[in-house]
PDB file of N, CA and C in Angstrom:
ATOM      1  N   MET A   1      89.782  59.919 121.305  1.00  0.00           N
ATOM      2  CA  MET A   1      90.926  60.800 121.105  1.00  0.00           C
ATOM      3  C   MET A   1      91.383  60.763 119.640  1.00  0.00           C
ATOM      4  N   LEU A   2      91.428  59.594 119.031  1.00  0.00           N
ATOM      5  CA  LEU A   2      91.832  59.511 117.629  1.00  0.00           C
ATOM      6  C   LEU A   2      90.867  60.269 116.723  1.00  0.00           C
ATOM      7  N   PHE A   3      89.591  60.254 117.094  1.00  0.00           N
ATOM      8  CA  PHE A   3      88.611  61.007 116.317  1.00  0.00           C
ATOM      9  C   PHE A   3      88.913  62.499 116.387  1.00  0.00           C
ATOM     10  N   GLN A   4      89.291  62.986 117.568  1.00  0.00           N
ATOM     11  CA  GLN A   4      89.641  64.402 117.733  1.00  0.00           C
ATOM     12  C   GLN A   4      90.877  64.767 116.911  1.00  0.00           C
ATOM     13  N   VAL A   5      91.853  63.864 116.882  1.00  0.00           N
ATOM     14  CA  VAL A   5      93.043  64.096 116.059  1.00  0.00           C
ATOM     15  C   VAL A   5      92.617  64.240 114.603  1.00  0.00           C
ATOM     16  N   PHE A   6      91.756  63.338 114.157  1.00  0.00           N
ATOM     17  CA  PHE A   6      91.270  63.372 112.782  1.00  0.00           C
ATOM     18  C   PHE A   6      90.538  64.682 112.485  1.00  0.00           C
ATOM     19  N   ILE A   7      89.618  65.062 113.357  1.00  0.00           N
ATOM     20  CA  ILE A   7      88.811  66.275 113.160  1.00  0.00           C
ATOM     21  C   ILE A   7      89.709  67.512 113.104  1.00  0.00           C
ATOM     22  N   ARG A   8      90.647  67.616 114.017  1.00  0.00           N
ATOM     23  CA  ARG A   8      91.512  68.800 114.067  1.00  0.00           C
ATOM     24  C   ARG A   8      92.505  68.857 112.909  1.00  0.00           C
ATOM     25  N   SER A   9      92.790  67.727 112.304  1.00  0.00           N
ATOM     26  CA  SER A   9      93.791  67.661 111.240  1.00  0.00           C
ATOM     27  C   SER A   9      93.209  67.778 109.834  1.00  0.00           C
ATOM     28  N   VAL A  10      91.993  67.301 109.652  1.00  0.00           N
ATOM     29  CA  VAL A  10      91.432  67.197 108.307  1.00  0.00           C
ATOM     30  C   VAL A  10      91.214  68.564 107.646  1.00  0.00           C
ATOM     31  N   LEU A  11      90.659  69.511 108.355  1.00  0.00           N
ATOM     32  CA  LEU A  11      90.361  70.808 107.752  1.00  0.00           C
ATOM     33  C   LEU A  11      91.626  71.541 107.307  1.00  0.00           C
ATOM     34  N   PRO A  12      92.632  71.695 108.184  1.00  0.00           N
ATOM     35  CA  PRO A  12      93.852  72.369 107.707  1.00  0.00           C
ATOM     36  C   PRO A  12      94.513  71.614 106.559  1.00  0.00           C
ATOM     37  N   PHE A  13      94.486  70.288 106.635  1.00  0.00           N
ATOM     38  CA  PHE A  13      95.083  69.487 105.570  1.00  0.00           C
ATOM     39  C   PHE A  13      94.369  69.753 104.244  1.00  0.00           C
ATOM     40  N   ALA A  14      93.049  69.685 104.256  1.00  0.00           N
ATOM     41  CA  ALA A  14      92.271  69.873 103.030  1.00  0.00           C
ATOM     42  C   ALA A  14      92.480  71.265 102.444  1.00  0.00           C
ATOM     43  N   ILE A  15      92.451  72.269 103.284  1.00  0.00           N
ATOM     44  CA  ILE A  15      92.605  73.646 102.800  1.00  0.00           C
ATOM     45  C   ILE A  15      93.995  73.867 102.214  1.00  0.00           C
ATOM     46  N   LEU A  16      95.018  73.522 102.962  1.00  0.00           N
ATOM     47  CA  LEU A  16      96.376  73.816 102.499  1.00  0.00           C
ATOM     48  C   LEU A  16      96.798  72.931 101.330  1.00  0.00           C
ATOM     49  N   MET A  17      96.336  71.701 101.299  1.00  0.00           N
ATOM     50  CA  MET A  17      96.658  70.847 100.149  1.00  0.00           C
ATOM     51  C   MET A  17      95.939  71.329  98.894  1.00  0.00           C
ATOM     52  N   SER A  18      94.729  71.858  99.051  1.00  0.00           N
ATOM     53  CA  SER A  18      94.012  72.428  97.906  1.00  0.00           C
ATOM     54  C   SER A  18      94.756  73.643  97.363  1.00  0.00           C
ATOM     55  N   ILE A  19      95.232  74.494  98.262  1.00  0.00           N
ATOM     56  CA  ILE A  19      96.006  75.663  97.834  1.00  0.00           C
ATOM     57  C   ILE A  19      97.295  75.218  97.150  1.00  0.00           C
ATOM     58  N   ALA A  20      97.972  74.233  97.732  1.00  0.00           N
ATOM     59  CA  ALA A  20      99.218  73.724  97.133  1.00  0.00           C
ATOM     60  C   ALA A  20      98.954  73.152  95.745  1.00  0.00           C
ATOM     61  N   ALA A  21      97.868  72.422  95.587  1.00  0.00           N
ATOM     62  CA  ALA A  21      97.527  71.849  94.281  1.00  0.00           C
ATOM     63  C   ALA A  21      97.244  72.952  93.271  1.00  0.00           C
ATOM     64  N   PHE A  22      96.505  73.965  93.680  1.00  0.00           N
ATOM     65  CA  PHE A  22      96.224  75.093  92.788  1.00  0.00           C
ATOM     66  C   PHE A  22      97.530  75.760  92.344  1.00  0.00           C
ATOM     67  N   LEU A  23      98.422  76.010  93.289  1.00  0.00           N
ATOM     68  CA  LEU A  23      99.706  76.637  92.964  1.00  0.00           C
ATOM     69  C   LEU A  23     100.528  75.760  92.033  1.00  0.00           C
ATOM     70  N   TYR A  24     100.519  74.469  92.282  1.00  0.00           N
ATOM     71  CA  TYR A  24     101.267  73.531  91.444  1.00  0.00           C
ATOM     72  C   TYR A  24     100.759  73.569  90.001  1.00  0.00           C
ATOM     73  N   TYR A  25      99.456  73.463  89.853  1.00  0.00           N
ATOM     74  CA  TYR A  25      98.879  73.449  88.507  1.00  0.00           C
ATOM     75  C   TYR A  25      98.934  74.816  87.828  1.00  0.00           C
ATOM     76  N   ASP A  26      99.165  75.854  88.626  1.00  0.00           N
ATOM     77  CA  ASP A  26      99.336  77.197  88.078  1.00  0.00           C
ATOM     78  C   ASP A  26     100.794  77.454  87.695  1.00  0.00           C
ATOM     79  N   GLY A  27     101.649  76.463  87.947  1.00  0.00           N
ATOM     80  CA  GLY A  27     103.053  76.586  87.582  1.00  0.00           C
ATOM     81  C   GLY A  27     103.930  77.234  88.632  1.00  0.00           C
ATOM     82  N   GLN A  28     103.379  77.484  89.802  1.00  0.00           N
ATOM     83  CA  GLN A  28     104.133  78.106  90.884  1.00  0.00           C
ATOM     84  C   GLN A  28     104.700  77.007  91.795  1.00  0.00           C
ATOM     85  N   LEU A  29     105.673  76.279  91.264  1.00  0.00           N
ATOM     86  CA  LEU A  29     106.158  75.070  91.926  1.00  0.00           C
ATOM     87  C   LEU A  29     106.782  75.335  93.290  1.00  0.00           C
ATOM     88  N   GLU A  30     107.587  76.399  93.394  1.00  0.00           N
ATOM     89  CA  GLU A  30     108.235  76.692  94.669  1.00  0.00           C
ATOM     90  C   GLU A  30     107.198  77.063  95.734  1.00  0.00           C
ATOM     91  N   SER A  31     106.227  77.868  95.363  1.00  0.00           N
ATOM     92  CA  SER A  31     105.159  78.233  96.304  1.00  0.00           C
ATOM     93  C   SER A  31     104.325  77.011  96.677  1.00  0.00           C
ATOM     94  N   ALA A  32     104.082  76.148  95.697  1.00  0.00           N
ATOM     95  CA  ALA A  32     103.315  74.924  95.965  1.00  0.00           C
ATOM     96  C   ALA A  32     104.054  74.040  96.959  1.00  0.00           C
ATOM     97  N   GLN A  33     105.359  73.896  96.789  1.00  0.00           N
ATOM     98  CA  GLN A  33     106.150  73.065  97.707  1.00  0.00           C
ATOM     99  C   GLN A  33     106.129  73.657  99.112  1.00  0.00           C
ATOM    100  N   GLY A  34     106.292  74.960  99.225  1.00  0.00           N
ATOM    101  CA  GLY A  34     106.263  75.610 100.539  1.00  0.00           C
ATOM    102  C   GLY A  34     104.912  75.470 101.218  1.00  0.00           C
ATOM    103  N   THR A  35     103.849  75.635 100.437  1.00  0.00           N
ATOM    104  CA  THR A  35     102.495  75.496 100.984  1.00  0.00           C
ATOM    105  C   THR A  35     102.227  74.057 101.399  1.00  0.00           C
ATOM    106  N   PHE A  36     102.688  73.110 100.594  1.00  0.00           N
ATOM    107  CA  PHE A  36     102.542  71.696 100.931  1.00  0.00           C
ATOM    108  C   PHE A  36     103.251  71.390 102.253  1.00  0.00           C
ATOM    109  N   THR A  37     104.496  71.844 102.376  1.00  0.00           N
ATOM    110  CA  THR A  37     105.268  71.602 103.603  1.00  0.00           C
ATOM    111  C   THR A  37     104.598  72.253 104.811  1.00  0.00           C
ATOM    112  N   ALA A  38     104.177  73.504 104.652  1.00  0.00           N
ATOM    113  CA  ALA A  38     103.489  74.200 105.745  1.00  0.00           C
ATOM    114  C   ALA A  38     102.195  73.473 106.102  1.00  0.00           C
ATOM    115  N   GLY A  39     101.519  72.934 105.093  1.00  0.00           N
ATOM    116  CA  GLY A  39     100.285  72.191 105.346  1.00  0.00           C
ATOM    117  C   GLY A  39     100.516  70.935 106.154  1.00  0.00           C
ATOM    118  N   ILE A  40     101.577  70.221 105.843  1.00  0.00           N
ATOM    119  CA  ILE A  40     101.915  69.015 106.613  1.00  0.00           C
ATOM    120  C   ILE A  40     102.244  69.396 108.057  1.00  0.00           C
ATOM    121  N   ILE A  41     103.036  70.446 108.213  1.00  0.00           N
ATOM    122  CA  ILE A  41     103.401  70.900 109.569  1.00  0.00           C
ATOM    123  C   ILE A  41     102.151  71.310 110.341  1.00  0.00           C
ATOM    124  N   PHE A  42     101.306  72.124 109.731  1.00  0.00           N
ATOM    125  CA  PHE A  42     100.100  72.607 110.408  1.00  0.00           C
ATOM    126  C   PHE A  42      99.162  71.459 110.756  1.00  0.00           C
ATOM    127  N   THR A  43      99.064  70.480 109.870  1.00  0.00           N
ATOM    128  CA  THR A  43      98.218  69.316 110.118  1.00  0.00           C
ATOM    129  C   THR A  43      98.714  68.532 111.331  1.00  0.00           C
ATOM    130  N   ILE A  44     100.020  68.313 111.409  1.00  0.00           N
ATOM    131  CA  ILE A  44     100.592  67.569 112.543  1.00  0.00           C
ATOM    132  C   ILE A  44     100.404  68.345 113.842  1.00  0.00           C
ATOM    133  N   VAL A  45     100.704  69.631 113.822  1.00  0.00           N
ATOM    134  CA  VAL A  45     100.566  70.454 115.032  1.00  0.00           C
ATOM    135  C   VAL A  45      99.106  70.482 115.489  1.00  0.00           C
ATOM    136  N   SER A  46      98.182  70.638 114.548  1.00  0.00           N
ATOM    137  CA  SER A  46      96.757  70.662 114.893  1.00  0.00           C
ATOM    138  C   SER A  46      96.315  69.338 115.506  1.00  0.00           C
ATOM    139  N   GLY A  47      96.731  68.251 114.898  1.00  0.00           N
ATOM    140  CA  GLY A  47      96.368  66.938 115.427  1.00  0.00           C
ATOM    141  C   GLY A  47      96.969  66.676 116.798  1.00  0.00           C
ATOM    142  N   ALA A  48      98.206  67.113 116.978  1.00  0.00           N
ATOM    143  CA  ALA A  48      98.891  66.875 118.252  1.00  0.00           C
ATOM    144  C   ALA A  48      98.351  67.741 119.387  1.00  0.00           C
ATOM    145  N   SER A  49      97.558  68.743 119.046  1.00  0.00           N
ATOM    146  CA  SER A  49      97.021  69.618 120.094  1.00  0.00           C
ATOM    147  C   SER A  49      96.096  68.867 121.054  1.00  0.00           C
ATOM    148  N   VAL A  50      95.614  67.689 120.674  1.00  0.00           N
ATOM    149  CA  VAL A  50      94.751  66.915 121.577  1.00  0.00           C
ATOM    150  C   VAL A  50      95.496  66.500 122.842  1.00  0.00           C
ATOM    151  N   ILE A  51      96.811  66.523 122.784  1.00  0.00           N
ATOM    152  CA  ILE A  51      97.604  66.190 123.978  1.00  0.00           C
ATOM    153  C   ILE A  51      97.222  67.113 125.134  1.00  0.00           C
ATOM    154  N   TYR A  52      96.891  68.367 124.807  1.00  0.00           N
ATOM    155  CA  TYR A  52      96.551  69.325 125.852  1.00  0.00           C
ATOM    156  C   TYR A  52      95.130  69.134 126.395  1.00  0.00           C
ATOM    157  N   ASP A  53      94.374  68.218 125.822  1.00  0.00           N
ATOM    158  CA  ASP A  53      93.055  67.879 126.354  1.00  0.00           C
ATOM    159  C   ASP A  53      93.133  66.785 127.423  1.00  0.00           C
ATOM    160  N   LEU A  54      94.304  66.219 127.611  1.00  0.00           N
ATOM    161  CA  LEU A  54      94.483  65.153 128.609  1.00  0.00           C
ATOM    162  C   LEU A  54      94.662  65.797 129.985  1.00  0.00           C
ATOM    163  N   ASN A  55      93.560  66.219 130.570  1.00  0.00           N
ATOM    164  CA  ASN A  55      93.601  66.978 131.822  1.00  0.00           C
ATOM    165  C   ASN A  55      94.110  66.178 133.010  1.00  0.00           C
ATOM    166  N   HIS A  56      94.137  64.845 132.891  1.00  0.00           N
ATOM    167  CA  HIS A  56      94.665  64.040 133.989  1.00  0.00           C
ATOM    168  C   HIS A  56      96.196  64.028 133.977  1.00  0.00           C
ATOM    169  N   TRP A  57      96.817  64.600 132.941  1.00  0.00           N
ATOM    170  CA  TRP A  57      98.264  64.777 132.897  1.00  0.00           C
ATOM    171  C   TRP A  57      98.591  66.192 133.349  1.00  0.00           C
ATOM    172  N   SER A  58      99.743  66.366 133.964  1.00  0.00           N
ATOM    173  CA  SER A  58     100.181  67.711 134.344  1.00  0.00           C
ATOM    174  C   SER A  58     100.547  68.491 133.085  1.00  0.00           C
ATOM    175  N   ILE A  59     100.577  69.808 133.195  1.00  0.00           N
ATOM    176  CA  ILE A  59     100.956  70.640 132.053  1.00  0.00           C
ATOM    177  C   ILE A  59     102.403  70.352 131.641  1.00  0.00           C
ATOM    178  N   VAL A  60     103.232  69.995 132.585  1.00  0.00           N
ATOM    179  CA  VAL A  60     104.622  69.662 132.267  1.00  0.00           C
ATOM    180  C   VAL A  60     104.675  68.393 131.424  1.00  0.00           C
ATOM    181  N   LYS A  61     103.934  67.366 131.832  1.00  0.00           N
ATOM    182  CA  LYS A  61     103.923  66.110 131.084  1.00  0.00           C
ATOM    183  C   LYS A  61     103.351  66.322 129.675  1.00  0.00           C
ATOM    184  N   ARG A  62     102.258  67.070 129.591  1.00  0.00           N
ATOM    185  CA  ARG A  62     101.668  67.342 128.273  1.00  0.00           C
ATOM    186  C   ARG A  62     102.652  68.109 127.387  1.00  0.00           C
ATOM    187  N   SER A  63     103.346  69.060 127.974  1.00  0.00           N
ATOM    188  CA  SER A  63     104.300  69.873 127.207  1.00  0.00           C
ATOM    189  C   SER A  63     105.481  69.035 126.727  1.00  0.00           C
ATOM    190  N   VAL A  64     105.991  68.171 127.589  1.00  0.00           N
ATOM    191  CA  VAL A  64     107.125  67.314 127.212  1.00  0.00           C
ATOM    192  C   VAL A  64     106.707  66.339 126.108  1.00  0.00           C
ATOM    193  N   VAL A  65     105.550  65.713 126.261  1.00  0.00           N
ATOM    194  CA  VAL A  65     105.077  64.778 125.236  1.00  0.00           C
ATOM    195  C   VAL A  65     104.856  65.518 123.911  1.00  0.00           C
ATOM    196  N   HIS A  66     104.257  66.697 123.979  1.00  0.00           N
ATOM    197  CA  HIS A  66     104.032  67.483 122.765  1.00  0.00           C
ATOM    198  C   HIS A  66     105.365  67.847 122.112  1.00  0.00           C
ATOM    199  N   PHE A  67     106.333  68.260 122.914  1.00  0.00           N
ATOM    200  CA  PHE A  67     107.661  68.596 122.376  1.00  0.00           C
ATOM    201  C   PHE A  67     108.281  67.382 121.684  1.00  0.00           C
ATOM    202  N   LEU A  68     108.193  66.219 122.297  1.00  0.00           N
ATOM    203  CA  LEU A  68     108.776  65.015 121.699  1.00  0.00           C
ATOM    204  C   LEU A  68     108.078  64.640 120.391  1.00  0.00           C
ATOM    205  N   VAL A  69     106.754  64.778 120.364  1.00  0.00           N
ATOM    206  CA  VAL A  69     106.023  64.508 119.118  1.00  0.00           C
ATOM    207  C   VAL A  69     106.479  65.480 118.031  1.00  0.00           C
ATOM    208  N   MET A  70     106.619  66.747 118.381  1.00  0.00           N
ATOM    209  CA  MET A  70     107.075  67.754 117.412  1.00  0.00           C
ATOM    210  C   MET A  70     108.513  67.469 116.966  1.00  0.00           C
ATOM    211  N   LEU A  71     109.344  67.033 117.902  1.00  0.00           N
ATOM    212  CA  LEU A  71     110.743  66.760 117.584  1.00  0.00           C
ATOM    213  C   LEU A  71     110.888  65.633 116.562  1.00  0.00           C
ATOM    214  N   VAL A  72     110.090  64.581 116.714  1.00  0.00           N
ATOM    215  CA  VAL A  72     110.229  63.442 115.793  1.00  0.00           C
ATOM    216  C   VAL A  72     109.427  63.612 114.505  1.00  0.00           C
ATOM    217  N   THR A  73     108.568  64.629 114.438  1.00  0.00           N
ATOM    218  CA  THR A  73     107.800  64.852 113.211  1.00  0.00           C
ATOM    219  C   THR A  73     108.207  66.148 112.512  1.00  0.00           C
ATOM    220  N   ILE A  74     108.106  67.244 113.194  1.00  0.00           N
ATOM    221  CA  ILE A  74     108.320  68.557 112.571  1.00  0.00           C
ATOM    222  C   ILE A  74     109.789  68.812 112.263  1.00  0.00           C
ATOM    223  N   TYR A  75     110.683  68.491 113.176  1.00  0.00           N
ATOM    224  CA  TYR A  75     112.116  68.741 112.928  1.00  0.00           C
ATOM    225  C   TYR A  75     112.598  68.054 111.649  1.00  0.00           C
ATOM    226  N   PRO A  76     112.309  66.766 111.433  1.00  0.00           N
ATOM    227  CA  PRO A  76     112.727  66.150 110.159  1.00  0.00           C
ATOM    228  C   PRO A  76     112.084  66.805 108.936  1.00  0.00           C
ATOM    229  N   ILE A  77     110.828  67.211 109.072  1.00  0.00           N
ATOM    230  CA  ILE A  77     110.170  67.896 107.953  1.00  0.00           C
ATOM    231  C   ILE A  77     110.895  69.200 107.642  1.00  0.00           C
ATOM    232  N   LEU A  78     111.284  69.924 108.668  1.00  0.00           N
ATOM    233  CA  LEU A  78     112.037  71.168 108.454  1.00  0.00           C
ATOM    234  C   LEU A  78     113.354  70.884 107.734  1.00  0.00           C
ATOM    235  N   LEU A  79     114.006  69.801 108.108  1.00  0.00           N
ATOM    236  CA  LEU A  79     115.278  69.451 107.464  1.00  0.00           C
ATOM    237  C   LEU A  79     115.085  69.102 105.991  1.00  0.00           C
ATOM    238  N   MET A  80     113.962  68.482 105.656  1.00  0.00           N
ATOM    239  CA  MET A  80     113.708  68.063 104.274  1.00  0.00           C
ATOM    240  C   MET A  80     112.993  69.136 103.447  1.00  0.00           C
ATOM    241  N   SER A  81     112.582  70.221 104.087  1.00  0.00           N
ATOM    242  CA  SER A  81     111.739  71.214 103.425  1.00  0.00           C
ATOM    243  C   SER A  81     112.453  72.024 102.349  1.00  0.00           C
ATOM    244  N   GLY A  82     113.760  72.137 102.451  1.00  0.00           N
ATOM    245  CA  GLY A  82     114.486  72.998 101.528  1.00  0.00           C
ATOM    246  C   GLY A  82     114.499  74.448 101.979  1.00  0.00           C
ATOM    247  N   TRP A  83     113.935  74.728 103.144  1.00  0.00           N
ATOM    248  CA  TRP A  83     113.886  76.091 103.662  1.00  0.00           C
ATOM    249  C   TRP A  83     115.205  76.517 104.301  1.00  0.00           C
ATOM    250  N   PHE A  84     116.046  75.539 104.612  1.00  0.00           N
ATOM    251  CA  PHE A  84     117.310  75.821 105.289  1.00  0.00           C
ATOM    252  C   PHE A  84     118.469  75.245 104.482  1.00  0.00           C
ATOM    253  N   GLU A  85     119.580  75.945 104.531  1.00  0.00           N
ATOM    254  CA  GLU A  85     120.799  75.432 103.912  1.00  0.00           C
ATOM    255  C   GLU A  85     121.416  74.432 104.895  1.00  0.00           C
ATOM    256  N   LEU A  86     121.697  73.229 104.416  1.00  0.00           N
ATOM    257  CA  LEU A  86     122.195  72.160 105.290  1.00  0.00           C
ATOM    258  C   LEU A  86     123.501  71.608 104.731  1.00  0.00           C
ATOM    259  N   ASN A  87     124.587  72.339 104.970  1.00  0.00           N
ATOM    260  CA  ASN A  87     125.894  71.927 104.460  1.00  0.00           C
ATOM    261  C   ASN A  87     126.839  71.423 105.538  1.00  0.00           C
ATOM    262  N   SER A  88     126.456  71.603 106.799  1.00  0.00           N
ATOM    263  CA  SER A  88     127.332  71.186 107.890  1.00  0.00           C
ATOM    264  C   SER A  88     126.492  70.786 109.095  1.00  0.00           C
ATOM    265  N   VAL A  89     127.148  70.190 110.052  1.00  0.00           N
ATOM    266  CA  VAL A  89     126.470  69.813 111.298  1.00  0.00           C
ATOM    267  C   VAL A  89     125.935  71.060 111.991  1.00  0.00           C
ATOM    268  N   MET A  90     126.669  72.154 111.868  1.00  0.00           N
ATOM    269  CA  MET A  90     126.236  73.406 112.483  1.00  0.00           C
ATOM    270  C   MET A  90     124.910  73.882 111.873  1.00  0.00           C
ATOM    271  N   ASP A  91     124.715  73.666 110.575  1.00  0.00           N
ATOM    272  CA  ASP A  91     123.458  74.046 109.932  1.00  0.00           C
ATOM    273  C   ASP A  91     122.285  73.266 110.534  1.00  0.00           C
ATOM    274  N   TYR A  92     122.490  71.988 110.796  1.00  0.00           N
ATOM    275  CA  TYR A  92     121.448  71.169 111.424  1.00  0.00           C
ATOM    276  C   TYR A  92     121.163  71.663 112.840  1.00  0.00           C
ATOM    277  N   ALA A  93     122.219  72.072 113.533  1.00  0.00           N
ATOM    278  CA  ALA A  93     122.057  72.612 114.887  1.00  0.00           C
ATOM    279  C   ALA A  93     121.284  73.923 114.859  1.00  0.00           C
ATOM    280  N   VAL A  94     121.549  74.754 113.869  1.00  0.00           N
ATOM    281  CA  VAL A  94     120.831  76.026 113.738  1.00  0.00           C
ATOM    282  C   VAL A  94     119.340  75.766 113.523  1.00  0.00           C
ATOM    283  N   VAL A  95     119.017  74.797 112.670  1.00  0.00           N
ATOM    284  CA  VAL A  95     117.604  74.452 112.445  1.00  0.00           C
ATOM    285  C   VAL A  95     116.982  73.966 113.754  1.00  0.00           C
ATOM    286  N   LEU A  96     117.706  73.166 114.520  1.00  0.00           N
ATOM    287  CA  LEU A  96     117.198  72.692 115.807  1.00  0.00           C
ATOM    288  C   LEU A  96     116.964  73.859 116.761  1.00  0.00           C
ATOM    289  N   ILE A  97     117.871  74.812 116.789  1.00  0.00           N
ATOM    290  CA  ILE A  97     117.715  75.986 117.654  1.00  0.00           C
ATOM    291  C   ILE A  97     116.510  76.812 117.217  1.00  0.00           C
ATOM    292  N   VAL A  98     116.356  77.008 115.915  1.00  0.00           N
ATOM    293  CA  VAL A  98     115.184  77.737 115.400  1.00  0.00           C
ATOM    294  C   VAL A  98     113.906  76.990 115.784  1.00  0.00           C
ATOM    295  N   PHE A  99     113.914  75.674 115.632  1.00  0.00           N
ATOM    296  CA  PHE A  99     112.772  74.836 115.995  1.00  0.00           C
ATOM    297  C   PHE A  99     112.424  75.014 117.473  1.00  0.00           C
ATOM    298  N   ILE A 100     113.416  74.908 118.342  1.00  0.00           N
ATOM    299  CA  ILE A 100     113.185  75.014 119.792  1.00  0.00           C
ATOM    300  C   ILE A 100     112.713  76.415 120.168  1.00  0.00           C
ATOM    301  N   CYS A 101     113.367  77.445 119.646  1.00  0.00           N
ATOM    302  CA  CYS A 101     112.981  78.828 119.981  1.00  0.00           C
ATOM    303  C   CYS A 101     111.563  79.143 119.497  1.00  0.00           C
ATOM    304  N   THR A 102     111.241  78.709 118.290  1.00  0.00           N
ATOM    305  CA  THR A 102     109.893  78.921 117.766  1.00  0.00           C
ATOM    306  C   THR A 102     108.875  78.190 118.633  1.00  0.00           C
ATOM    307  N   GLY A 103     109.201  76.971 119.022  1.00  0.00           N
ATOM    308  CA  GLY A 103     108.311  76.201 119.887  1.00  0.00           C
ATOM    309  C   GLY A 103     108.075  76.872 121.222  1.00  0.00           C
ATOM    310  N   ILE A 104     109.121  77.407 121.810  1.00  0.00           N
ATOM    311  CA  ILE A 104     108.982  78.093 123.105  1.00  0.00           C
ATOM    312  C   ILE A 104     108.093  79.323 122.966  1.00  0.00           C
ATOM    313  N   VAL A 105     108.341  80.121 121.942  1.00  0.00           N
ATOM    314  CA  VAL A 105     107.545  81.337 121.734  1.00  0.00           C
ATOM    315  C   VAL A 105     106.078  80.978 121.524  1.00  0.00           C
ATOM    316  N   LEU A 106     105.809  80.004 120.660  1.00  0.00           N
ATOM    317  CA  LEU A 106     104.421  79.607 120.404  1.00  0.00           C
ATOM    318  C   LEU A 106     103.765  78.999 121.637  1.00  0.00           C
ATOM    319  N   TRP A 107     104.516  78.213 122.414  1.00  0.00           N
ATOM    320  CA  TRP A 107     103.973  77.603 123.627  1.00  0.00           C
ATOM    321  C   TRP A 107     103.573  78.692 124.624  1.00  0.00           C
ATOM    322  N   VAL A 108     104.459  79.674 124.822  1.00  0.00           N
ATOM    323  CA  VAL A 108     104.173  80.766 125.762  1.00  0.00           C
ATOM    324  C   VAL A 108     102.972  81.581 125.286  1.00  0.00           C
ATOM    325  N   LEU A 109     102.936  81.902 124.001  1.00  0.00           N
ATOM    326  CA  LEU A 109     101.797  82.659 123.468  1.00  0.00           C
ATOM    327  C   LEU A 109     100.486  81.907 123.662  1.00  0.00           C
ATOM    328  N   MET A 110     100.484  80.626 123.359  1.00  0.00           N
ATOM    329  CA  MET A 110      99.257  79.838 123.514  1.00  0.00           C
ATOM    330  C   MET A 110      98.860  79.711 124.978  1.00  0.00           C
ATOM    331  N   LEU A 111      99.835  79.582 125.866  1.00  0.00           N
ATOM    332  CA  LEU A 111      99.538  79.523 127.300  1.00  0.00           C
ATOM    333  C   LEU A 111      98.886  80.828 127.752  1.00  0.00           C
ATOM    334  N   LEU A 112      99.412  81.949 127.278  1.00  0.00           N
ATOM    335  CA  LEU A 112      98.823  83.248 127.626  1.00  0.00           C
ATOM    336  C   LEU A 112      97.404  83.377 127.080  1.00  0.00           C
ATOM    337  N   VAL A 113      97.193  82.974 125.848  1.00  0.00           N
ATOM    338  CA  VAL A 113      95.862  83.054 125.241  1.00  0.00           C
ATOM    339  C   VAL A 113      94.874  82.194 126.017  1.00  0.00           C
ATOM    340  N   VAL A 114      95.249  80.958 126.299  1.00  0.00           N
ATOM    341  CA  VAL A 114      94.356  80.052 127.027  1.00  0.00           C
ATOM    342  C   VAL A 114      94.081  80.590 128.427  1.00  0.00           C
ATOM    343  N   THR A 115      95.093  81.124 129.091  1.00  0.00           N
ATOM    344  CA  THR A 115      94.920  81.688 130.432  1.00  0.00           C
ATOM    345  C   THR A 115      93.973  82.881 130.398  1.00  0.00           C
ATOM    346  N   LEU A 116      94.154  83.766 129.427  1.00  0.00           N
ATOM    347  CA  LEU A 116      93.275  84.936 129.312  1.00  0.00           C
ATOM    348  C   LEU A 116      91.839  84.532 128.998  1.00  0.00           C
ATOM    349  N   ILE A 117      91.675  83.591 128.094  1.00  0.00           N
ATOM    350  CA  ILE A 117      90.330  83.114 127.758  1.00  0.00           C
ATOM    351  C   ILE A 117      89.671  82.480 128.971  1.00  0.00           C
ATOM    352  N   SER A 118      90.436  81.695 129.702  1.00  0.00           N
ATOM    353  CA  SER A 118      89.907  81.037 130.897  1.00  0.00           C
ATOM    354  C   SER A 118      89.482  82.066 131.943  1.00  0.00           C
ATOM    355  N   LYS A 119      90.325  83.076 132.163  1.00  0.00           N
ATOM    356  CA  LYS A 119      89.970  84.122 133.139  1.00  0.00           C
ATOM    357  C   LYS A 119      88.749  84.889 132.696  1.00  0.00           C
ATOM    358  N   PHE A 120      88.679  85.217 131.415  1.00  0.00           N
ATOM    359  CA  PHE A 120      87.523  85.947 130.881  1.00  0.00           C
ATOM    360  C   PHE A 120      86.263  85.110 131.010  1.00  0.00           C
ATOM    361  N   LYS A 121      86.377  83.835 130.708  1.00  0.00           N
ATOM    362  CA  LYS A 121      85.237  82.922 130.797  1.00  0.00           C
ATOM    363  C   LYS A 121      84.761  82.798 132.239  1.00  0.00           C
ATOM    364  N   ASN A 122      85.706  82.621 133.176  1.00  0.00           N
ATOM    365  CA  ASN A 122      85.358  82.490 134.593  1.00  0.00           C
ATOM    366  C   ASN A 122      84.747  83.772 135.133  1.00  0.00           C
ATOM    367  N   LYS A 123      85.233  84.918 134.681  1.00  0.00           N
ATOM    368  CA  LYS A 123      84.727  86.211 135.134  1.00  0.00           C
ATOM    369  C   LYS A 123      83.285  86.395 134.677  1.00  0.00           C
ATOM    370  N   ASN A 124      82.977  85.972 133.460  1.00  0.00           N
ATOM    371  CA  ASN A 124      81.615  86.108 132.932  1.00  0.00           C
ATOM    372  C   ASN A 124      80.651  85.122 133.555  1.00  0.00           C
ATOM    373  N   GLU A 125      81.149  84.011 134.096  1.00  0.00           N
ATOM    374  CA  GLU A 125      80.287  83.029 134.740  1.00  0.00           C
ATOM    375  C   GLU A 125      79.885  83.454 136.147  1.00  0.00           C
ATOM    376  N   ASP A 126      80.661  84.363 136.738  1.00  0.00           N
ATOM    377  CA  ASP A 126      80.355  84.819 138.113  1.00  0.00           C
ATOM    378  C   ASP A 126      79.202  85.742 138.175  1.00  0.00           C
TER     379      ASP A 126
END
């Protein structure tokens, strides 16, 4: 499982960090910082996707564990990213709401994609 985390994380990390480095050395500091942050987020999300390969866990358990991993990794990164104004407790709550809503939308979209692929695959096997 750790090998799968490594494999799924290394490519996005290498690509996005290379782009961030290019932007940095080109003097585009704000774009470099945004690309770096997005690269860290994408790397974590890609690595954490192995949770959904644990077929002996229910989809609910996998989803809850994935949400908790995202909560303790991605949410703090969002807070430190500079993408949000953080002047009050309400600002932190807004970031949390954006985080949760984005997670729900992406989870539903991925569930639909996987379901459609599975149905298409099963239909072609018949």
